[in-house]
Amino acid sequence: MMWYAETKSVISTQRNYRRVYGGAAPDAKSIRLLFNKLLTTGSVLKQSGGARGFVTEEKVEGTKDQVEFLTIAVYNGKLGINIKKSEDISKVTHYIPDEYKLFYEDILNYPTSDTAASGKDE
C-alpha cells in the first residue's frame, strides 16, 4: 500500500508488487479498496466478524416469560402413515423382539395417509 500512497498509480503499484513478490499483482479495484481501508481503519487486515455472545442465566430467565407453550394437542388421534411404510413394517414384524412388538403393531393400526386424507379408517 505504501507504493500506491507514494505514486497514486495503480500500474506502478502492480509493477512494484510483481518485481518484489513475483506472480500476479492485485487488480486495480483491490488496490484502491485496500488503500481506502488502510486510510480509514489504519490496517489492511481482515476485521473479525465478531465473537458470538454467550447466553447468560439472566437472558434465559428473561425469555422464559415470553415463550408460549401449547396447551392443546396439535392433532387429534393418530397421524396417517404412508401405506408403503406400513407395508414395509408389516414385512419385518416377525424380526422385531417381543418387547417392541406392541409398539409396531400399534403403528400398523394407524390409518394410512390415503385413508387419513379421506377420513376413513381401514
Protein backbone atom coordinates (compact mmCIF):
# COMPACT_ATOMS: atom_id res chain seq x y z
CA MET A 1 0.00 0.00 0.00
CA MET A 2 2.97 2.28 0.52
CA TRP A 3 3.69 2.14 -3.20
CA TYR A 4 0.20 3.36 -4.00
CA ALA A 5 0.44 6.06 -1.32
CA GLU A 6 3.73 7.29 -2.84
CA THR A 7 2.83 7.17 -6.53
CA LYS A 8 -1.01 7.27 -6.61
CA SER A 9 -0.59 4.94 -9.60
CA VAL A 10 -2.19 1.52 -9.77
CA ILE A 11 0.11 0.44 -12.61
CA SER A 12 3.28 1.43 -10.72
CA THR A 13 1.96 -0.36 -7.63
CA GLN A 14 1.29 -3.53 -9.67
CA ARG A 15 4.78 -3.37 -11.26
CA ASN A 16 6.46 -2.97 -7.88
CA TYR A 17 4.40 -5.85 -6.47
CA ARG A 18 5.38 -8.18 -9.34
CA ARG A 19 9.04 -7.12 -9.07
CA VAL A 20 9.21 -7.74 -5.31
CA TYR A 21 6.81 -10.67 -4.79
CA GLY A 22 6.60 -12.25 -8.24
CA GLY A 23 3.40 -13.66 -9.66
CA ALA A 24 0.15 -11.85 -10.32
CA ALA A 25 -0.42 -8.49 -8.67
CA PRO A 26 -3.78 -7.45 -7.18
CA ASP A 27 -6.20 -5.80 -9.59
CA ALA A 28 -6.83 -2.05 -9.57
CA LYS A 29 -10.07 -2.32 -7.62
CA SER A 30 -8.41 -4.37 -4.85
CA ILE A 31 -5.52 -1.93 -4.57
CA ARG A 32 -7.88 1.03 -4.20
CA LEU A 33 -10.08 -0.83 -1.67
CA LEU A 34 -7.08 -1.85 0.43
CA PHE A 35 -5.67 1.69 0.32
CA ASN A 36 -9.02 3.17 1.44
CA LYS A 37 -9.24 0.56 4.19
CA LEU A 38 -5.74 1.50 5.35
CA LEU A 39 -6.72 5.16 5.49
CA THR A 40 -9.99 4.58 7.35
CA THR A 41 -9.01 1.79 9.77
CA GLY A 42 -5.22 2.04 9.92
CA SER A 43 -4.90 -1.60 8.83
CA VAL A 44 -5.41 -3.79 5.77
CA LEU A 45 -6.03 -6.89 7.87
CA LYS A 46 -9.43 -8.54 7.74
CA GLN A 47 -11.54 -7.47 10.64
CA SER A 48 -13.04 -10.08 12.86
CA GLY A 49 -16.65 -10.97 12.19
CA GLY A 50 -17.18 -10.58 15.91
CA ALA A 51 -17.41 -13.21 18.54
CA ARG A 52 -20.74 -14.80 19.30
CA GLY A 53 -22.24 -13.62 22.50
CA PHE A 54 -22.82 -16.16 25.21
CA VAL A 55 -26.12 -16.88 26.86
CA THR A 56 -26.37 -15.88 30.48
CA GLU A 57 -28.86 -17.14 33.03
CA GLU A 58 -30.46 -13.69 33.05
CA LYS A 59 -31.09 -13.91 29.31
CA VAL A 60 -32.62 -17.36 29.67
CA GLU A 61 -34.85 -16.29 32.54
CA GLY A 62 -35.94 -13.19 30.61
CA THR A 63 -37.03 -15.20 27.59
CA LYS A 64 -38.91 -17.86 29.57
CA ASP A 65 -41.65 -15.35 30.28
CA GLN A 66 -42.00 -14.56 26.58
CA VAL A 67 -42.46 -18.15 25.33
CA GLU A 68 -45.97 -19.50 24.89
CA PHE A 69 -46.37 -23.23 25.24
CA LEU A 70 -49.14 -25.19 23.55
CA THR A 71 -51.80 -26.39 25.91
CA ILE A 72 -53.80 -28.41 23.37
CA ALA A 73 -52.82 -31.27 21.10
CA VAL A 74 -51.59 -30.26 17.68
CA TYR A 75 -53.60 -33.04 16.06
CA ASN A 76 -56.41 -35.26 17.22
CA GLY A 77 -55.95 -39.00 17.06
CA LYS A 78 -53.19 -40.64 15.09
CA LEU A 79 -51.46 -39.22 12.06
CA GLY A 80 -51.73 -41.13 8.82
CA ILE A 81 -48.78 -43.27 7.84
CA ASN A 82 -47.65 -43.77 4.27
CA ILE A 83 -49.13 -47.04 3.03
CA LYS A 84 -45.76 -48.20 1.64
CA LYS A 85 -44.12 -47.64 5.04
CA SER A 86 -46.90 -49.58 6.71
CA GLU A 87 -46.38 -52.46 4.29
CA ASP A 88 -42.62 -52.40 4.93
CA ILE A 89 -43.16 -52.58 8.68
CA SER A 90 -45.60 -55.48 8.33
CA LYS A 91 -42.99 -57.43 6.32
CA VAL A 92 -40.42 -57.28 9.12
CA THR A 93 -42.61 -57.63 12.23
CA HIS A 94 -41.53 -61.24 12.75
CA TYR A 95 -37.93 -59.96 13.25
CA ILE A 96 -38.92 -57.43 15.94
CA PRO A 97 -38.14 -58.51 19.53
CA ASP A 98 -41.20 -59.25 21.69
CA GLU A 99 -40.67 -56.23 23.97
CA TYR A 100 -41.13 -53.88 20.96
CA LYS A 101 -43.87 -55.76 19.07
CA LEU A 102 -46.79 -53.89 20.70
CA PHE A 103 -45.33 -50.59 19.60
CA TYR A 104 -45.03 -51.67 15.97
CA GLU A 105 -48.38 -53.44 15.96
CA ASP A 106 -49.91 -50.19 17.16
CA ILE A 107 -48.24 -48.37 14.27
CA LEU A 108 -49.68 -50.90 11.83
CA ASN A 109 -53.17 -49.95 13.10
CA TYR A 110 -52.60 -46.27 12.24
CA PRO A 111 -54.68 -45.04 9.33
CA THR A 112 -52.67 -44.85 6.13
CA SER A 113 -52.13 -41.46 4.56
CA ASP A 114 -54.58 -42.42 1.79
CA THR A 115 -57.39 -43.15 4.27
CA ALA A 116 -56.42 -40.36 6.67
CA ALA A 117 -56.95 -37.78 3.95
CA SER A 118 -60.40 -39.09 3.18
CA GLY A 119 -61.35 -39.52 6.86
CA LYS A 120 -61.90 -43.28 6.53
CA ASP A 121 -60.46 -45.98 8.76
CA GLU A 122 -59.26 -49.30 7.38
